[in-house]
Amino acid sequence: MSRVEKLVAELCPDGVEHKTLGDVGKFIRGNGLQKKDLADSGVGAIHYGQVYTHYGVWAIETKSFVSPELAKRLRKAKSGDIVIATTSENDEDVCKAVAWLGKDDIAISGDAYIYNHKLEPKYVAYFFQSEQFQKQKIRHITGTKVKRVSGESMAKFSIPVPPTEIQREIVNVLDSFTKLEAELEAELEAELEAHRRQYQYYRDLLLSFDERMLGASKQASKQASKQASKQASKQASKQASKQA
């Protein structure tokens, strides 16, 4: 039995309570911030498009800023709030969310909502990625070319609300997986970049047709054979694991 299961058995013997997002928080729509307003310094800001392209599950720093003068007129997310991009070109991306964990309040653009709530911030952000959330979301998407979900609709969505201790333990588990995924992606990207440089080196050398070409051809063949052997070994290992 995992620690989460033990905590649920101990703290929720009758099951985990479900509430609507509107019961445990409120949705506030962003206003007035356009992409052309973004700057490299000033008051932190998140444009809804950046939620898709730049941010993960949580953030402590913003990529962009706005002038202090403009910031005074904009609605802001406080530390612990969730920033939700509620406009997208496809069903999958709409309602992508990021938990704001920075110290300062930040400005939020229109086509985004601030969710101010009473729960563990990362727990809510992870919930927005879950199948349970996605199934509820799909019924409330409007528009054809541009997909939208309103704050009024999201307020009706059901969310499991275990005690804070369980929420935090779930976050710890999911954070571990997120960290591992990022590390694996970094390793794969580094390996891919090394192969890319190797390919470029041999391509340019082999096509130069000078005295180095013959030696380069033999070395390239050895490298290709080594990589093929390594890949075959990985495939065999995976197959053996499946059969086991």
C-alpha atoms as a PDB file:
ATOM      1  CA  MET A   1       0.000   0.000   0.000  1.00  0.00           C
ATOM      2  CA  SER A   2       1.402   3.399  -1.020  1.00  0.00           C
ATOM      3  CA  ARG A   3       1.640   6.348   1.362  1.00  0.00           C
ATOM      4  CA  VAL A   4      -1.232   8.055  -0.489  1.00  0.00           C
ATOM      5  CA  GLU A   5      -3.420   4.975  -0.046  1.00  0.00           C
ATOM      6  CA  LYS A   6      -2.522   4.781   3.656  1.00  0.00           C
ATOM      7  CA  LEU A   7      -3.394   8.443   4.166  1.00  0.00           C
ATOM      8  CA  VAL A   8      -6.706   8.037   2.356  1.00  0.00           C
ATOM      9  CA  ALA A   9      -7.566   4.984   4.488  1.00  0.00           C
ATOM     10  CA  GLU A  10      -6.628   6.879   7.629  1.00  0.00           C
ATOM     11  CA  LEU A  11      -8.039  10.334   6.895  1.00  0.00           C
ATOM     12  CA  CYS A  12     -10.909   9.515   4.520  1.00  0.00           C
ATOM     13  CA  PRO A  13     -12.354   6.180   5.700  1.00  0.00           C
ATOM     14  CA  ASP A  14     -15.689   7.011   4.052  1.00  0.00           C
ATOM     15  CA  GLY A  15     -14.094   8.121   0.760  1.00  0.00           C
ATOM     16  CA  VAL A  16     -12.781  11.407  -0.610  1.00  0.00           C
ATOM     17  CA  GLU A  17     -15.251  14.258  -0.815  1.00  0.00           C
ATOM     18  CA  HIS A  18     -15.927  15.886  -4.184  1.00  0.00           C
ATOM     19  CA  LYS A  19     -16.809  19.551  -4.588  1.00  0.00           C
ATOM     20  CA  THR A  20     -17.201  21.904  -7.517  1.00  0.00           C
ATOM     21  CA  LEU A  21     -14.375  24.286  -8.389  1.00  0.00           C
ATOM     22  CA  GLY A  22     -16.855  27.061  -7.624  1.00  0.00           C
ATOM     23  CA  ASP A  23     -17.320  25.707  -4.094  1.00  0.00           C
ATOM     24  CA  VAL A  24     -13.627  25.960  -3.244  1.00  0.00           C
ATOM     25  CA  GLY A  25     -12.605  29.017  -5.259  1.00  0.00           C
ATOM     26  CA  LYS A  26     -13.576  31.711  -7.730  1.00  0.00           C
ATOM     27  CA  PHE A  27     -12.672  32.471 -11.339  1.00  0.00           C
ATOM     28  CA  ILE A  28     -11.563  35.980 -12.307  1.00  0.00           C
ATOM     29  CA  ARG A  29     -11.098  36.852 -15.954  1.00  0.00           C
ATOM     30  CA  GLY A  30      -7.939  38.689 -17.019  1.00  0.00           C
ATOM     31  CA  ASN A  31      -8.241  42.006 -18.819  1.00  0.00           C
ATOM     32  CA  GLY A  32      -6.574  44.485 -21.089  1.00  0.00           C
ATOM     33  CA  LEU A  33      -3.153  42.898 -21.593  1.00  0.00           C
ATOM     34  CA  GLN A  34      -2.153  42.357 -25.224  1.00  0.00           C
ATOM     35  CA  LYS A  35       0.965  40.762 -26.641  1.00  0.00           C
ATOM     36  CA  LYS A  36       2.276  44.132 -27.837  1.00  0.00           C
ATOM     37  CA  ASP A  37       2.262  45.361 -24.227  1.00  0.00           C
ATOM     38  CA  LEU A  38       4.840  42.811 -23.054  1.00  0.00           C
ATOM     39  CA  ALA A  39       8.292  44.094 -22.100  1.00  0.00           C
ATOM     40  CA  ASP A  40      11.609  42.779 -20.769  1.00  0.00           C
ATOM     41  CA  SER A  41      11.284  44.480 -17.375  1.00  0.00           C
ATOM     42  CA  GLY A  42       8.681  45.951 -15.072  1.00  0.00           C
ATOM     43  CA  VAL A  43       5.836  44.095 -13.361  1.00  0.00           C
ATOM     44  CA  GLY A  44       5.624  40.352 -14.054  1.00  0.00           C
ATOM     45  CA  ALA A  45       2.952  39.281 -16.524  1.00  0.00           C
ATOM     46  CA  ILE A  46       1.632  36.149 -18.220  1.00  0.00           C
ATOM     47  CA  HIS A  47      -0.006  36.343 -21.634  1.00  0.00           C
ATOM     48  CA  TYR A  48      -2.413  33.468 -22.244  1.00  0.00           C
ATOM     49  CA  GLY A  49      -0.411  32.250 -25.262  1.00  0.00           C
ATOM     50  CA  GLN A  50       2.676  31.786 -23.085  1.00  0.00           C
ATOM     51  CA  VAL A  51       0.824  29.259 -20.924  1.00  0.00           C
ATOM     52  CA  TYR A  52       0.944  26.938 -23.949  1.00  0.00           C
ATOM     53  CA  THR A  53       4.446  27.692 -25.162  1.00  0.00           C
ATOM     54  CA  HIS A  54       6.537  28.479 -22.088  1.00  0.00           C
ATOM     55  CA  TYR A  55       5.093  27.366 -18.767  1.00  0.00           C
ATOM     56  CA  GLY A  56       4.799  23.970 -17.132  1.00  0.00           C
ATOM     57  CA  VAL A  57       2.731  22.916 -14.126  1.00  0.00           C
ATOM     58  CA  TRP A  58       3.992  25.777 -11.946  1.00  0.00           C
ATOM     59  CA  ALA A  59       6.158  28.889 -12.161  1.00  0.00           C
ATOM     60  CA  ILE A  60       8.013  31.204  -9.805  1.00  0.00           C
ATOM     61  CA  GLU A  61       9.193  33.679 -12.466  1.00  0.00           C
ATOM     62  CA  THR A  62       7.519  35.216 -15.496  1.00  0.00           C
ATOM     63  CA  LYS A  63       8.984  35.292 -18.967  1.00  0.00           C
ATOM     64  CA  SER A  64       7.590  38.766 -19.663  1.00  0.00           C
ATOM     65  CA  PHE A  65       6.676  41.995 -17.918  1.00  0.00           C
ATOM     66  CA  VAL A  66       4.506  45.092 -18.364  1.00  0.00           C
ATOM     67  CA  SER A  67       5.031  48.704 -17.392  1.00  0.00           C
ATOM     68  CA  PRO A  68       4.017  49.669 -13.838  1.00  0.00           C
ATOM     69  CA  GLU A  69       1.519  52.150 -15.296  1.00  0.00           C
ATOM     70  CA  LEU A  70      -0.299  49.469 -17.299  1.00  0.00           C
ATOM     71  CA  ALA A  71      -0.066  46.951 -14.446  1.00  0.00           C
ATOM     72  CA  LYS A  72      -2.179  49.228 -12.245  1.00  0.00           C
ATOM     73  CA  ARG A  73      -5.121  48.736 -14.622  1.00  0.00           C
ATOM     74  CA  LEU A  74      -4.771  44.964 -14.991  1.00  0.00           C
ATOM     75  CA  ARG A  75      -6.172  42.120 -12.911  1.00  0.00           C
ATOM     76  CA  LYS A  76      -3.506  40.179 -11.088  1.00  0.00           C
ATOM     77  CA  ALA A  77      -2.793  36.655  -9.898  1.00  0.00           C
ATOM     78  CA  LYS A  78      -1.468  36.259  -6.363  1.00  0.00           C
ATOM     79  CA  SER A  79       0.930  33.573  -5.181  1.00  0.00           C
ATOM     80  CA  GLY A  80      -0.964  30.280  -5.083  1.00  0.00           C
ATOM     81  CA  ASP A  81      -3.474  31.274  -7.771  1.00  0.00           C
ATOM     82  CA  ILE A  82      -3.892  29.220 -10.946  1.00  0.00           C
ATOM     83  CA  VAL A  83      -3.555  30.955 -14.336  1.00  0.00           C
ATOM     84  CA  ILE A  84      -5.681  29.248 -16.998  1.00  0.00           C
ATOM     85  CA  ALA A  85      -5.533  29.835 -20.763  1.00  0.00           C
ATOM     86  CA  THR A  86      -9.165  29.515 -21.790  1.00  0.00           C
ATOM     87  CA  THR A  87      -8.815  30.183 -25.523  1.00  0.00           C
ATOM     88  CA  SER A  88      -7.125  27.811 -27.970  1.00  0.00           C
ATOM     89  CA  GLU A  89      -7.240  26.527 -31.535  1.00  0.00           C
ATOM     90  CA  ASN A  90      -7.887  22.948 -30.381  1.00  0.00           C
ATOM     91  CA  ASP A  91      -9.836  21.064 -27.723  1.00  0.00           C
ATOM     92  CA  GLU A  92      -6.777  19.459 -26.144  1.00  0.00           C
ATOM     93  CA  ASP A  93      -4.943  22.673 -25.222  1.00  0.00           C
ATOM     94  CA  VAL A  94      -7.801  24.845 -24.016  1.00  0.00           C
ATOM     95  CA  CYS A  95      -7.770  25.260 -20.207  1.00  0.00           C
ATOM     96  CA  LYS A  96      -4.055  24.542 -19.843  1.00  0.00           C
ATOM     97  CA  ALA A  97      -3.148  25.796 -16.389  1.00  0.00           C
ATOM     98  CA  VAL A  98      -0.077  26.907 -14.450  1.00  0.00           C
ATOM     99  CA  ALA A  99       0.165  27.451 -10.691  1.00  0.00           C
ATOM    100  CA  TRP A 100       1.741  30.830  -9.913  1.00  0.00           C
ATOM    101  CA  LEU A 101       4.105  30.344  -6.940  1.00  0.00           C
ATOM    102  CA  GLY A 102       6.150  33.540  -7.203  1.00  0.00           C
ATOM    103  CA  LYS A 103       6.215  36.058  -4.370  1.00  0.00           C
ATOM    104  CA  ASP A 104       4.783  39.056  -6.252  1.00  0.00           C
ATOM    105  CA  ASP A 105       1.392  39.592  -7.874  1.00  0.00           C
ATOM    106  CA  ILE A 106       1.477  39.310 -11.669  1.00  0.00           C
ATOM    107  CA  ALA A 107      -0.700  40.753 -14.447  1.00  0.00           C
ATOM    108  CA  ILE A 108      -2.839  38.395 -16.526  1.00  0.00           C
ATOM    109  CA  SER A 109      -4.089  38.876 -20.077  1.00  0.00           C
ATOM    110  CA  GLY A 110      -7.610  38.594 -21.393  1.00  0.00           C
ATOM    111  CA  ASP A 111      -8.459  35.099 -22.705  1.00  0.00           C
ATOM    112  CA  ALA A 112      -7.053  33.826 -19.421  1.00  0.00           C
ATOM    113  CA  TYR A 113      -8.647  33.285 -16.036  1.00  0.00           C
ATOM    114  CA  ILE A 114      -7.244  33.544 -12.527  1.00  0.00           C
ATOM    115  CA  TYR A 115      -8.482  30.819 -10.189  1.00  0.00           C
ATOM    116  CA  ASN A 116      -8.253  31.955  -6.570  1.00  0.00           C
ATOM    117  CA  HIS A 117      -8.875  28.961  -4.296  1.00  0.00           C
ATOM    118  CA  LYS A 118      -8.374  27.227  -0.936  1.00  0.00           C
ATOM    119  CA  LEU A 119      -6.462  24.138  -2.120  1.00  0.00           C
ATOM    120  CA  GLU A 120      -2.823  23.121  -2.601  1.00  0.00           C
ATOM    121  CA  PRO A 121      -1.854  25.067  -5.785  1.00  0.00           C
ATOM    122  CA  LYS A 122       0.100  22.316  -7.521  1.00  0.00           C
ATOM    123  CA  TYR A 123      -2.645  19.813  -6.714  1.00  0.00           C
ATOM    124  CA  VAL A 124      -5.113  21.985  -8.635  1.00  0.00           C
ATOM    125  CA  ALA A 125      -2.691  22.482 -11.550  1.00  0.00           C
ATOM    126  CA  TYR A 126      -2.140  18.723 -11.822  1.00  0.00           C
ATOM    127  CA  PHE A 127      -5.899  18.154 -11.623  1.00  0.00           C
ATOM    128  CA  PHE A 128      -6.330  20.387 -14.687  1.00  0.00           C
ATOM    129  CA  GLN A 129      -4.157  17.872 -16.593  1.00  0.00           C
ATOM    130  CA  SER A 130      -6.124  14.852 -15.432  1.00  0.00           C
ATOM    131  CA  GLU A 131      -8.500  12.697 -17.445  1.00  0.00           C
ATOM    132  CA  GLN A 132     -11.255  13.535 -14.947  1.00  0.00           C
ATOM    133  CA  PHE A 133     -10.904  17.253 -15.724  1.00  0.00           C
ATOM    134  CA  GLN A 134     -10.615  16.706 -19.483  1.00  0.00           C
ATOM    135  CA  LYS A 135     -13.839  14.682 -19.606  1.00  0.00           C
ATOM    136  CA  GLN A 136     -15.712  17.503 -17.892  1.00  0.00           C
ATOM    137  CA  LYS A 137     -14.065  20.184 -20.009  1.00  0.00           C
ATOM    138  CA  ILE A 138     -14.962  18.652 -23.366  1.00  0.00           C
ATOM    139  CA  ARG A 139     -18.696  19.103 -22.679  1.00  0.00           C
ATOM    140  CA  HIS A 140     -18.300  22.850 -22.125  1.00  0.00           C
ATOM    141  CA  ILE A 141     -16.079  23.879 -25.060  1.00  0.00           C
ATOM    142  CA  THR A 142     -17.678  26.439 -27.355  1.00  0.00           C
ATOM    143  CA  GLY A 143     -16.606  27.768 -30.757  1.00  0.00           C
ATOM    144  CA  THR A 144     -15.396  26.101 -33.943  1.00  0.00           C
ATOM    145  CA  LYS A 145     -12.189  27.786 -35.137  1.00  0.00           C
ATOM    146  CA  VAL A 146     -11.424  29.266 -31.724  1.00  0.00           C
ATOM    147  CA  LYS A 147     -12.193  27.059 -28.713  1.00  0.00           C
ATOM    148  CA  ARG A 148     -13.246  28.619 -25.421  1.00  0.00           C
ATOM    149  CA  VAL A 149     -14.322  27.568 -21.939  1.00  0.00           C
ATOM    150  CA  SER A 150     -15.863  30.139 -19.610  1.00  0.00           C
ATOM    151  CA  GLY A 151     -15.212  30.656 -15.927  1.00  0.00           C
ATOM    152  CA  GLU A 152     -18.902  30.008 -15.277  1.00  0.00           C
ATOM    153  CA  SER A 153     -18.540  26.556 -16.876  1.00  0.00           C
ATOM    154  CA  MET A 154     -15.336  25.679 -15.010  1.00  0.00           C
ATOM    155  CA  ALA A 155     -16.980  26.618 -11.702  1.00  0.00           C
ATOM    156  CA  LYS A 156     -19.337  23.658 -12.228  1.00  0.00           C
ATOM    157  CA  PHE A 157     -16.542  21.095 -12.660  1.00  0.00           C
ATOM    158  CA  SER A 158     -16.163  18.520  -9.893  1.00  0.00           C
ATOM    159  CA  ILE A 159     -12.812  18.048  -8.128  1.00  0.00           C
ATOM    160  CA  PRO A 160     -11.855  15.521  -5.432  1.00  0.00           C
ATOM    161  CA  VAL A 161     -10.963  17.416  -2.250  1.00  0.00           C
ATOM    162  CA  PRO A 162      -8.969  15.213   0.132  1.00  0.00           C
ATOM    163  CA  PRO A 163      -7.332  16.713   3.247  1.00  0.00           C
ATOM    164  CA  THR A 164      -4.365  19.008   2.579  1.00  0.00           C
ATOM    165  CA  GLU A 165      -1.896  16.354   3.757  1.00  0.00           C
ATOM    166  CA  ILE A 166      -3.088  14.005   0.997  1.00  0.00           C
ATOM    167  CA  GLN A 167      -3.041  16.771  -1.607  1.00  0.00           C
ATOM    168  CA  ARG A 168       0.590  17.514  -0.757  1.00  0.00           C
ATOM    169  CA  GLU A 169       1.589  13.854  -0.854  1.00  0.00           C
ATOM    170  CA  ILE A 170       0.008  13.484  -4.308  1.00  0.00           C
ATOM    171  CA  VAL A 171       1.939  16.574  -5.419  1.00  0.00           C
ATOM    172  CA  ASN A 172       5.201  15.063  -4.094  1.00  0.00           C
ATOM    173  CA  VAL A 173       4.634  11.908  -6.143  1.00  0.00           C
ATOM    174  CA  LEU A 174       3.714  13.785  -9.323  1.00  0.00           C
ATOM    175  CA  ASP A 175       6.607  16.238  -8.873  1.00  0.00           C
ATOM    176  CA  SER A 176       8.978  13.251  -8.802  1.00  0.00           C
ATOM    177  CA  PHE A 177       7.617  11.990 -12.117  1.00  0.00           C
ATOM    178  CA  THR A 178       7.776  15.491 -13.625  1.00  0.00           C
ATOM    179  CA  LYS A 179      11.413  15.868 -12.559  1.00  0.00           C
ATOM    180  CA  LEU A 180      12.318  12.440 -13.957  1.00  0.00           C
ATOM    181  CA  GLU A 181      10.603  13.213 -17.257  1.00  0.00           C
ATOM    182  CA  ALA A 182      12.517  16.504 -17.566  1.00  0.00           C
ATOM    183  CA  GLU A 183      15.824  14.752 -16.824  1.00  0.00           C
ATOM    184  CA  LEU A 184      15.155  12.060 -19.436  1.00  0.00           C
ATOM    185  CA  GLU A 185      14.183  14.663 -22.029  1.00  0.00           C
ATOM    186  CA  ALA A 186      17.401  16.594 -21.317  1.00  0.00           C
ATOM    187  CA  GLU A 187      19.497  13.426 -21.688  1.00  0.00           C
ATOM    188  CA  LEU A 188      17.791  12.488 -24.946  1.00  0.00           C
ATOM    189  CA  GLU A 189      18.184  16.012 -26.298  1.00  0.00           C
ATOM    190  CA  ALA A 190      21.908  16.015 -25.418  1.00  0.00           C
ATOM    191  CA  GLU A 191      22.372  12.636 -27.115  1.00  0.00           C
ATOM    192  CA  LEU A 192      20.460  13.805 -30.169  1.00  0.00           C
ATOM    193  CA  GLU A 193      22.565  16.966 -30.385  1.00  0.00           C
ATOM    194  CA  ALA A 194      25.774  14.902 -30.195  1.00  0.00           C
ATOM    195  CA  HIS A 195      24.555  12.688 -33.049  1.00  0.00           C
ATOM    196  CA  ARG A 196      23.580  15.772 -35.025  1.00  0.00           C
ATOM    197  CA  ARG A 197      27.079  17.265 -34.681  1.00  0.00           C
ATOM    198  CA  GLN A 198      28.646  13.931 -35.561  1.00  0.00           C
ATOM    199  CA  TYR A 199      26.498  13.661 -38.676  1.00  0.00           C
ATOM    200  CA  GLN A 200      27.388  17.200 -39.770  1.00  0.00           C
ATOM    201  CA  TYR A 201      31.100  16.508 -39.267  1.00  0.00           C
ATOM    202  CA  TYR A 202      31.132  13.353 -41.376  1.00  0.00           C
ATOM    203  CA  ARG A 203      28.805  14.825 -43.998  1.00  0.00           C
ATOM    204  CA  ASP A 204      31.094  17.790 -44.588  1.00  0.00           C
ATOM    205  CA  LEU A 205      34.220  15.634 -44.449  1.00  0.00           C
ATOM    206  CA  LEU A 206      32.956  12.933 -46.807  1.00  0.00           C
ATOM    207  CA  LEU A 207      31.753  15.484 -49.323  1.00  0.00           C
ATOM    208  CA  SER A 208      35.045  17.389 -49.292  1.00  0.00           C
ATOM    209  CA  PHE A 209      36.798  14.705 -51.443  1.00  0.00           C
ATOM    210  CA  ASP A 210      40.225  15.467 -50.005  1.00  0.00           C
ATOM    211  CA  GLU A 211      42.863  13.182 -48.503  1.00  0.00           C
ATOM    212  CA  ARG A 212      41.003  12.876 -45.230  1.00  0.00           C
ATOM    213  CA  MET A 213      37.941  11.361 -46.876  1.00  0.00           C
ATOM    214  CA  LEU A 214      39.048   7.689 -46.899  1.00  0.00           C
ATOM    215  CA  GLY A 215      39.821   7.602 -43.181  1.00  0.00           C
ATOM    216  CA  ALA A 216      36.620   9.448 -42.439  1.00  0.00           C
ATOM    217  CA  SER A 217      34.604   6.934 -44.446  1.00  0.00           C
ATOM    218  CA  LYS A 218      35.964   4.008 -42.423  1.00  0.00           C
ATOM    219  CA  GLN A 219      35.413   5.838 -39.142  1.00  0.00           C
ATOM    220  CA  ALA A 220      31.862   6.794 -40.103  1.00  0.00           C
ATOM    221  CA  SER A 221      31.074   3.174 -40.948  1.00  0.00           C
ATOM    222  CA  LYS A 222      32.393   2.049 -37.555  1.00  0.00           C
ATOM    223  CA  GLN A 223      30.334   4.693 -35.775  1.00  0.00           C
ATOM    224  CA  ALA A 224      27.182   3.729 -37.676  1.00  0.00           C
ATOM    225  CA  SER A 225      27.715   0.028 -36.892  1.00  0.00           C
ATOM    226  CA  LYS A 226      28.279   0.813 -33.217  1.00  0.00           C
ATOM    227  CA  GLN A 227      25.068   2.856 -33.043  1.00  0.00           C
ATOM    228  CA  ALA A 228      23.093   0.149 -34.834  1.00  0.00           C
ATOM    229  CA  SER A 229      24.422  -2.489 -32.432  1.00  0.00           C
ATOM    230  CA  LYS A 230      23.578  -0.303 -29.443  1.00  0.00           C
ATOM    231  CA  GLN A 231      20.043   0.246 -30.733  1.00  0.00           C
ATOM    232  CA  ALA A 232      19.549  -3.464 -31.393  1.00  0.00           C
ATOM    233  CA  SER A 233      20.712  -4.241 -27.856  1.00  0.00           C
ATOM    234  CA  LYS A 234      18.183  -1.773 -26.425  1.00  0.00           C
ATOM    235  CA  GLN A 235      15.385  -3.304 -28.491  1.00  0.00           C
ATOM    236  CA  ALA A 236      16.328  -6.823 -27.389  1.00  0.00           C
ATOM    237  CA  SER A 237      16.386  -5.722 -23.765  1.00  0.00           C
ATOM    238  CA  LYS A 238      12.931  -4.141 -24.072  1.00  0.00           C
ATOM    239  CA  GLN A 239      11.564  -7.279 -25.735  1.00  0.00           C
ATOM    240  CA  ALA A 240      13.018  -9.482 -23.015  1.00  0.00           C
ATOM    241  CA  SER A 241      11.459  -7.273 -20.341  1.00  0.00           C
ATOM    242  CA  LYS A 242       8.039  -7.520 -22.009  1.00  0.00           C
ATOM    243  CA  GLN A 243       8.256 -11.310 -22.233  1.00  0.00           C
ATOM    244  CA  ALA A 244       9.330 -11.526 -18.588  1.00  0.00           C
END
